[in-house]
Amino acid sequence: MGAVVSCIESICRTIGSVLMAIVNGIGAILTAIINGIVSFFDIIISCLTCGHSSRRHRTTRSTHTTSRI
């Protein structure tokens, strides 16, 4: 009798693992699609503004001084 219960528990655990794998796969696909859409709009906005909006975030001015002896 214990073997039957163990087998049923194993089947339920396997079905749960399969369902979680499917949910994780769907989540990964949706994340990839959303990242692609965001990148696409970033490219369009960069083209429309001649790249000024993306350059503003990337430029950092730092002064580096070296002494000559």
PDB file of N, CA and C in Angstrom:
ATOM      1  N   MET A   1       0.831  -1.205   0.000  1.00  0.00           N
ATOM      2  CA  MET A   1       0.000   0.000   0.000  1.00  0.00           C
ATOM      3  C   MET A   1       0.868   1.259   0.000  1.00  0.00           C
ATOM      4  N   GLY A   2       1.997   1.213   0.712  1.00  0.00           N
ATOM      5  CA  GLY A   2       2.886   2.369   0.761  1.00  0.00           C
ATOM      6  C   GLY A   2       3.500   2.689  -0.583  1.00  0.00           C
ATOM      7  N   ALA A   3       3.718   1.647  -1.396  1.00  0.00           N
ATOM      8  CA  ALA A   3       4.301   1.866  -2.715  1.00  0.00           C
ATOM      9  C   ALA A   3       3.328   2.612  -3.622  1.00  0.00           C
ATOM     10  N   VAL A   4       2.044   2.333  -3.491  1.00  0.00           N
ATOM     11  CA  VAL A   4       1.028   2.999  -4.318  1.00  0.00           C
ATOM     12  C   VAL A   4       0.947   4.478  -3.945  1.00  0.00           C
ATOM     13  N   VAL A   5       0.980   4.770  -2.649  1.00  0.00           N
ATOM     14  CA  VAL A   5       0.933   6.165  -2.195  1.00  0.00           C
ATOM     15  C   VAL A   5       2.186   6.905  -2.649  1.00  0.00           C
ATOM     16  N   SER A   6       3.324   6.249  -2.577  1.00  0.00           N
ATOM     17  CA  SER A   6       4.570   6.868  -3.016  1.00  0.00           C
ATOM     18  C   SER A   6       4.544   7.152  -4.512  1.00  0.00           C
ATOM     19  N   CYS A   7       3.977   6.226  -5.266  1.00  0.00           N
ATOM     20  CA  CYS A   7       3.872   6.417  -6.719  1.00  0.00           C
ATOM     21  C   CYS A   7       2.944   7.578  -7.045  1.00  0.00           C
ATOM     22  N   ILE A   8       1.827   7.683  -6.351  1.00  0.00           N
ATOM     23  CA  ILE A   8       0.885   8.783  -6.585  1.00  0.00           C
ATOM     24  C   ILE A   8       1.522  10.114  -6.197  1.00  0.00           C
ATOM     25  N   GLU A   9       2.246  10.162  -5.095  1.00  0.00           N
ATOM     26  CA  GLU A   9       2.945  11.390  -4.700  1.00  0.00           C
ATOM     27  C   GLU A   9       3.969  11.796  -5.751  1.00  0.00           C
ATOM     28  N   SER A  10       4.676  10.817  -6.289  1.00  0.00           N
ATOM     29  CA  SER A  10       5.679  11.101  -7.315  1.00  0.00           C
ATOM     30  C   SER A  10       5.029  11.653  -8.580  1.00  0.00           C
ATOM     31  N   ILE A  11       3.890  11.095  -8.957  1.00  0.00           N
ATOM     32  CA  ILE A  11       3.175  11.574 -10.144  1.00  0.00           C
ATOM     33  C   ILE A  11       2.704  13.016  -9.923  1.00  0.00           C
ATOM     34  N   CYS A  12       2.153  13.302  -8.750  1.00  0.00           N
ATOM     35  CA  CYS A  12       1.692  14.668  -8.455  1.00  0.00           C
ATOM     36  C   CYS A  12       2.860  15.646  -8.446  1.00  0.00           C
ATOM     37  N   ARG A  13       3.982  15.226  -7.892  1.00  0.00           N
ATOM     38  CA  ARG A  13       5.164  16.087  -7.857  1.00  0.00           C
ATOM     39  C   ARG A  13       5.685  16.367  -9.272  1.00  0.00           C
ATOM     40  N   THR A  14       5.650  15.343 -10.125  1.00  0.00           N
ATOM     41  CA  THR A  14       6.090  15.507 -11.508  1.00  0.00           C
ATOM     42  C   THR A  14       5.169  16.441 -12.268  1.00  0.00           C
ATOM     43  N   ILE A  15       3.865  16.292 -12.082  1.00  0.00           N
ATOM     44  CA  ILE A  15       2.900  17.180 -12.753  1.00  0.00           C
ATOM     45  C   ILE A  15       3.102  18.620 -12.280  1.00  0.00           C
ATOM     46  N   GLY A  16       3.346  18.817 -11.007  1.00  0.00           N
ATOM     47  CA  GLY A  16       3.612  20.163 -10.494  1.00  0.00           C
ATOM     48  C   GLY A  16       4.869  20.759 -11.085  1.00  0.00           C
ATOM     49  N   SER A  17       5.909  19.936 -11.235  1.00  0.00           N
ATOM     50  CA  SER A  17       7.159  20.423 -11.828  1.00  0.00           C
ATOM     51  C   SER A  17       6.959  20.817 -13.288  1.00  0.00           C
ATOM     52  N   VAL A  18       6.173  20.018 -14.015  1.00  0.00           N
ATOM     53  CA  VAL A  18       5.907  20.328 -15.421  1.00  0.00           C
ATOM     54  C   VAL A  18       5.129  21.632 -15.537  1.00  0.00           C
ATOM     55  N   LEU A  19       4.126  21.811 -14.691  1.00  0.00           N
ATOM     56  CA  LEU A  19       3.337  23.051 -14.735  1.00  0.00           C
ATOM     57  C   LEU A  19       4.197  24.265 -14.403  1.00  0.00           C
ATOM     58  N   MET A  20       5.080  24.140 -13.421  1.00  0.00           N
ATOM     59  CA  MET A  20       5.961  25.260 -13.076  1.00  0.00           C
ATOM     60  C   MET A  20       6.945  25.568 -14.206  1.00  0.00           C
ATOM     61  N   ALA A  21       7.420  24.531 -14.890  1.00  0.00           N
ATOM     62  CA  ALA A  21       8.314  24.754 -16.031  1.00  0.00           C
ATOM     63  C   ALA A  21       7.587  25.496 -17.151  1.00  0.00           C
ATOM     64  N   ILE A  22       6.328  25.148 -17.370  1.00  0.00           N
ATOM     65  CA  ILE A  22       5.542  25.835 -18.398  1.00  0.00           C
ATOM     66  C   ILE A  22       5.336  27.297 -18.017  1.00  0.00           C
ATOM     67  N   VAL A  23       4.994  27.554 -16.761  1.00  0.00           N
ATOM     68  CA  VAL A  23       4.789  28.935 -16.309  1.00  0.00           C
ATOM     69  C   VAL A  23       6.089  29.730 -16.419  1.00  0.00           C
ATOM     70  N   ASN A  24       7.209  29.128 -16.035  1.00  0.00           N
ATOM     71  CA  ASN A  24       8.495  29.821 -16.138  1.00  0.00           C
ATOM     72  C   ASN A  24       8.854  30.102 -17.596  1.00  0.00           C
ATOM     73  N   GLY A  25       8.546  29.172 -18.492  1.00  0.00           N
ATOM     74  CA  GLY A  25       8.803  29.389 -19.919  1.00  0.00           C
ATOM     75  C   GLY A  25       7.975  30.530 -20.481  1.00  0.00           C
ATOM     76  N   ILE A  26       6.703  30.573 -20.107  1.00  0.00           N
ATOM     77  CA  ILE A  26       5.833  31.662 -20.566  1.00  0.00           C
ATOM     78  C   ILE A  26       6.337  32.996 -20.023  1.00  0.00           C
ATOM     79  N   GLY A  27       6.761  33.017 -18.774  1.00  0.00           N
ATOM     80  CA  GLY A  27       7.307  34.251 -18.191  1.00  0.00           C
ATOM     81  C   GLY A  27       8.567  34.712 -18.907  1.00  0.00           C
ATOM     82  N   ALA A  28       9.430  33.773 -19.263  1.00  0.00           N
ATOM     83  CA  ALA A  28      10.660  34.134 -19.980  1.00  0.00           C
ATOM     84  C   ALA A  28      10.349  34.679 -21.372  1.00  0.00           C
ATOM     85  N   ILE A  29       9.371  34.073 -22.036  1.00  0.00           N
ATOM     86  CA  ILE A  29       8.985  34.552 -23.365  1.00  0.00           C
ATOM     87  C   ILE A  29       8.399  35.956 -23.276  1.00  0.00           C
ATOM     88  N   LEU A  30       7.524  36.192 -22.310  1.00  0.00           N
ATOM     89  CA  LEU A  30       6.934  37.527 -22.151  1.00  0.00           C
ATOM     90  C   LEU A  30       7.995  38.567 -21.811  1.00  0.00           C
ATOM     91  N   THR A  31       8.966  38.193 -20.976  1.00  0.00           N
ATOM     92  CA  THR A  31      10.045  39.117 -20.635  1.00  0.00           C
ATOM     93  C   THR A  31      10.864  39.476 -21.873  1.00  0.00           C
ATOM     94  N   ALA A  32      11.155  38.493 -22.711  1.00  0.00           N
ATOM     95  CA  ALA A  32      11.910  38.752 -23.932  1.00  0.00           C
ATOM     96  C   ALA A  32      11.136  39.662 -24.885  1.00  0.00           C
ATOM     97  N   ILE A  33       9.835  39.436 -25.011  1.00  0.00           N
ATOM     98  CA  ILE A  33       9.019  40.272 -25.898  1.00  0.00           C
ATOM     99  C   ILE A  33       8.976  41.708 -25.380  1.00  0.00           C
ATOM    100  N   ILE A  34       8.777  41.877 -24.088  1.00  0.00           N
ATOM    101  CA  ILE A  34       8.707  43.226 -23.521  1.00  0.00           C
ATOM    102  C   ILE A  34      10.049  43.939 -23.656  1.00  0.00           C
ATOM    103  N   ASN A  35      11.152  43.236 -23.415  1.00  0.00           N
ATOM    104  CA  ASN A  35      12.472  43.854 -23.593  1.00  0.00           C
ATOM    105  C   ASN A  35      12.710  44.252 -25.040  1.00  0.00           C
ATOM    106  N   GLY A  36      12.228  43.442 -25.973  1.00  0.00           N
ATOM    107  CA  GLY A  36      12.356  43.787 -27.393  1.00  0.00           C
ATOM    108  C   GLY A  36      11.551  45.029 -27.750  1.00  0.00           C
ATOM    109  N   ILE A  37      10.345  45.141 -27.218  1.00  0.00           N
ATOM    110  CA  ILE A  37       9.513  46.318 -27.491  1.00  0.00           C
ATOM    111  C   ILE A  37      10.156  47.567 -26.902  1.00  0.00           C
ATOM    112  N   VAL A  38      10.679  47.466 -25.691  1.00  0.00           N
ATOM    113  CA  VAL A  38      11.337  48.615 -25.063  1.00  0.00           C
ATOM    114  C   VAL A  38      12.565  49.036 -25.868  1.00  0.00           C
ATOM    115  N   SER A  39      13.344  48.081 -26.326  1.00  0.00           N
ATOM    116  CA  SER A  39      14.517  48.413 -27.137  1.00  0.00           C
ATOM    117  C   SER A  39      14.117  49.054 -28.460  1.00  0.00           C
ATOM    118  N   PHE A  40      13.034  48.559 -29.049  1.00  0.00           N
ATOM    119  CA  PHE A  40      12.551  49.116 -30.311  1.00  0.00           C
ATOM    120  C   PHE A  40      12.145  50.577 -30.135  1.00  0.00           C
ATOM    121  N   PHE A  41      11.391  50.881 -29.073  1.00  0.00           N
ATOM    122  CA  PHE A  41      10.988  52.267 -28.835  1.00  0.00           C
ATOM    123  C   PHE A  41      12.191  53.136 -28.474  1.00  0.00           C
ATOM    124  N   ASP A  42      13.179  52.565 -27.812  1.00  0.00           N
ATOM    125  CA  ASP A  42      14.395  53.316 -27.505  1.00  0.00           C
ATOM    126  C   ASP A  42      15.120  53.712 -28.783  1.00  0.00           C
ATOM    127  N   ILE A  43      15.165  52.806 -29.748  1.00  0.00           N
ATOM    128  CA  ILE A  43      15.811  53.109 -31.030  1.00  0.00           C
ATOM    129  C   ILE A  43      15.034  54.183 -31.775  1.00  0.00           C
ATOM    130  N   ILE A  44      13.705  54.088 -31.785  1.00  0.00           N
ATOM    131  CA  ILE A  44      12.887  55.076 -32.490  1.00  0.00           C
ATOM    132  C   ILE A  44      13.051  56.452 -31.847  1.00  0.00           C
ATOM    133  N   ILE A  45      12.999  56.520 -30.531  1.00  0.00           N
ATOM    134  CA  ILE A  45      13.158  57.804 -29.847  1.00  0.00           C
ATOM    135  C   ILE A  45      14.553  58.363 -30.076  1.00  0.00           C
ATOM    136  N   SER A  46      15.557  57.508 -30.076  1.00  0.00           N
ATOM    137  CA  SER A  46      16.921  57.953 -30.327  1.00  0.00           C
ATOM    138  C   SER A  46      17.054  58.518 -31.738  1.00  0.00           C
ATOM    139  N   CYS A  47      16.396  57.893 -32.710  1.00  0.00           N
ATOM    140  CA  CYS A  47      16.452  58.409 -34.085  1.00  0.00           C
ATOM    141  C   CYS A  47      15.713  59.739 -34.209  1.00  0.00           C
ATOM    142  N   LEU A  48      14.558  59.858 -33.560  1.00  0.00           N
ATOM    143  CA  LEU A  48      13.777  61.081 -33.669  1.00  0.00           C
ATOM    144  C   LEU A  48      14.456  62.261 -32.981  1.00  0.00           C
ATOM    145  N   THR A  49      15.204  61.999 -31.949  1.00  0.00           N
ATOM    146  CA  THR A  49      15.874  63.080 -31.226  1.00  0.00           C
ATOM    147  C   THR A  49      17.352  63.190 -31.592  1.00  0.00           C
ATOM    148  N   CYS A  50      17.750  62.512 -32.647  1.00  0.00           N
ATOM    149  CA  CYS A  50      19.135  62.494 -33.114  1.00  0.00           C
ATOM    150  C   CYS A  50      20.089  62.000 -32.034  1.00  0.00           C
ATOM    151  N   GLY A  51      19.634  61.159 -31.166  1.00  0.00           N
ATOM    152  CA  GLY A  51      20.472  60.556 -30.150  1.00  0.00           C
ATOM    153  C   GLY A  51      20.737  61.422 -28.946  1.00  0.00           C
ATOM    154  N   HIS A  52      20.097  62.598 -28.845  1.00  0.00           N
ATOM    155  CA  HIS A  52      20.377  63.500 -27.727  1.00  0.00           C
ATOM    156  C   HIS A  52      19.869  62.945 -26.402  1.00  0.00           C
ATOM    157  N   SER A  53      18.748  62.260 -26.409  1.00  0.00           N
ATOM    158  CA  SER A  53      18.209  61.780 -25.139  1.00  0.00           C
ATOM    159  C   SER A  53      19.058  60.653 -24.557  1.00  0.00           C
ATOM    160  N   SER A  54      19.626  59.807 -25.413  1.00  0.00           N
ATOM    161  CA  SER A  54      20.427  58.707 -24.883  1.00  0.00           C
ATOM    162  C   SER A  54      21.819  59.188 -24.478  1.00  0.00           C
ATOM    163  N   ARG A  55      22.333  60.226 -25.147  1.00  0.00           N
ATOM    164  CA  ARG A  55      23.659  60.721 -24.804  1.00  0.00           C
ATOM    165  C   ARG A  55      23.665  61.433 -23.460  1.00  0.00           C
ATOM    166  N   ARG A  56      22.553  62.047 -23.101  1.00  0.00           N
ATOM    167  CA  ARG A  56      22.493  62.793 -21.848  1.00  0.00           C
ATOM    168  C   ARG A  56      22.752  61.881 -20.648  1.00  0.00           C
ATOM    169  N   HIS A  57      22.287  60.652 -20.703  1.00  0.00           N
ATOM    170  CA  HIS A  57      22.458  59.736 -19.582  1.00  0.00           C
ATOM    171  C   HIS A  57      23.848  59.127 -19.541  1.00  0.00           C
ATOM    172  N   ARG A  58      24.497  59.054 -20.681  1.00  0.00           N
ATOM    173  CA  ARG A  58      25.766  58.350 -20.739  1.00  0.00           C
ATOM    174  C   ARG A  58      26.969  59.232 -20.480  1.00  0.00           C
ATOM    175  N   THR A  59      26.858  60.527 -20.717  1.00  0.00           N
ATOM    176  CA  THR A  59      28.023  61.382 -20.583  1.00  0.00           C
ATOM    177  C   THR A  59      28.245  61.742 -19.128  1.00  0.00           C
ATOM    178  N   THR A  60      29.432  61.539 -18.689  1.00  0.00           N
ATOM    179  CA  THR A  60      29.844  61.969 -17.365  1.00  0.00           C
ATOM    180  C   THR A  60      31.157  62.700 -17.526  1.00  0.00           C
ATOM    181  N   ARG A  61      31.195  63.860 -16.969  1.00  0.00           N
ATOM    182  CA  ARG A  61      32.416  64.657 -17.090  1.00  0.00           C
ATOM    183  C   ARG A  61      33.272  64.429 -15.856  1.00  0.00           C
ATOM    184  N   SER A  62      34.457  64.018 -16.104  1.00  0.00           N
ATOM    185  CA  SER A  62      35.386  63.840 -15.001  1.00  0.00           C
ATOM    186  C   SER A  62      36.701  64.480 -15.408  1.00  0.00           C
ATOM    187  N   THR A  63      37.295  65.156 -14.482  1.00  0.00           N
ATOM    188  CA  THR A  63      38.574  65.800 -14.751  1.00  0.00           C
ATOM    189  C   THR A  63      39.666  64.946 -14.153  1.00  0.00           C
ATOM    190  N   HIS A  64      40.636  64.675 -14.972  1.00  0.00           N
ATOM    191  CA  HIS A  64      41.758  63.872 -14.542  1.00  0.00           C
ATOM    192  C   HIS A  64      43.008  64.702 -14.696  1.00  0.00           C
ATOM    193  N   THR A  65      43.651  64.957 -13.614  1.00  0.00           N
ATOM    194  CA  THR A  65      44.860  65.789 -13.659  1.00  0.00           C
ATOM    195  C   THR A  65      46.061  64.916 -13.348  1.00  0.00           C
ATOM    196  N   THR A  66      47.083  65.183 -14.113  1.00  0.00           N
ATOM    197  CA  THR A  66      48.347  64.484 -13.869  1.00  0.00           C
ATOM    198  C   THR A  66      49.408  65.522 -13.588  1.00  0.00           C
ATOM    199  N   SER A  67      50.252  65.235 -12.677  1.00  0.00           N
ATOM    200  CA  SER A  67      51.309  66.183 -12.361  1.00  0.00           C
ATOM    201  C   SER A  67      52.591  65.792 -13.080  1.00  0.00           C
ATOM    202  N   ARG A  68      53.230  66.782 -13.623  1.00  0.00           N
ATOM    203  CA  ARG A  68      54.515  66.531 -14.294  1.00  0.00           C
ATOM    204  C   ARG A  68      55.640  66.981 -13.391  1.00  0.00           C
ATOM    205  N   ILE A  69      56.555  66.101 -13.172  1.00  0.00           N
ATOM    206  CA  ILE A  69      57.695  66.433 -12.321  1.00  0.00           C
ATOM    207  C   ILE A  69      58.956  66.379 -13.117  1.00  0.00           C
TER     208      ILE A  69
END
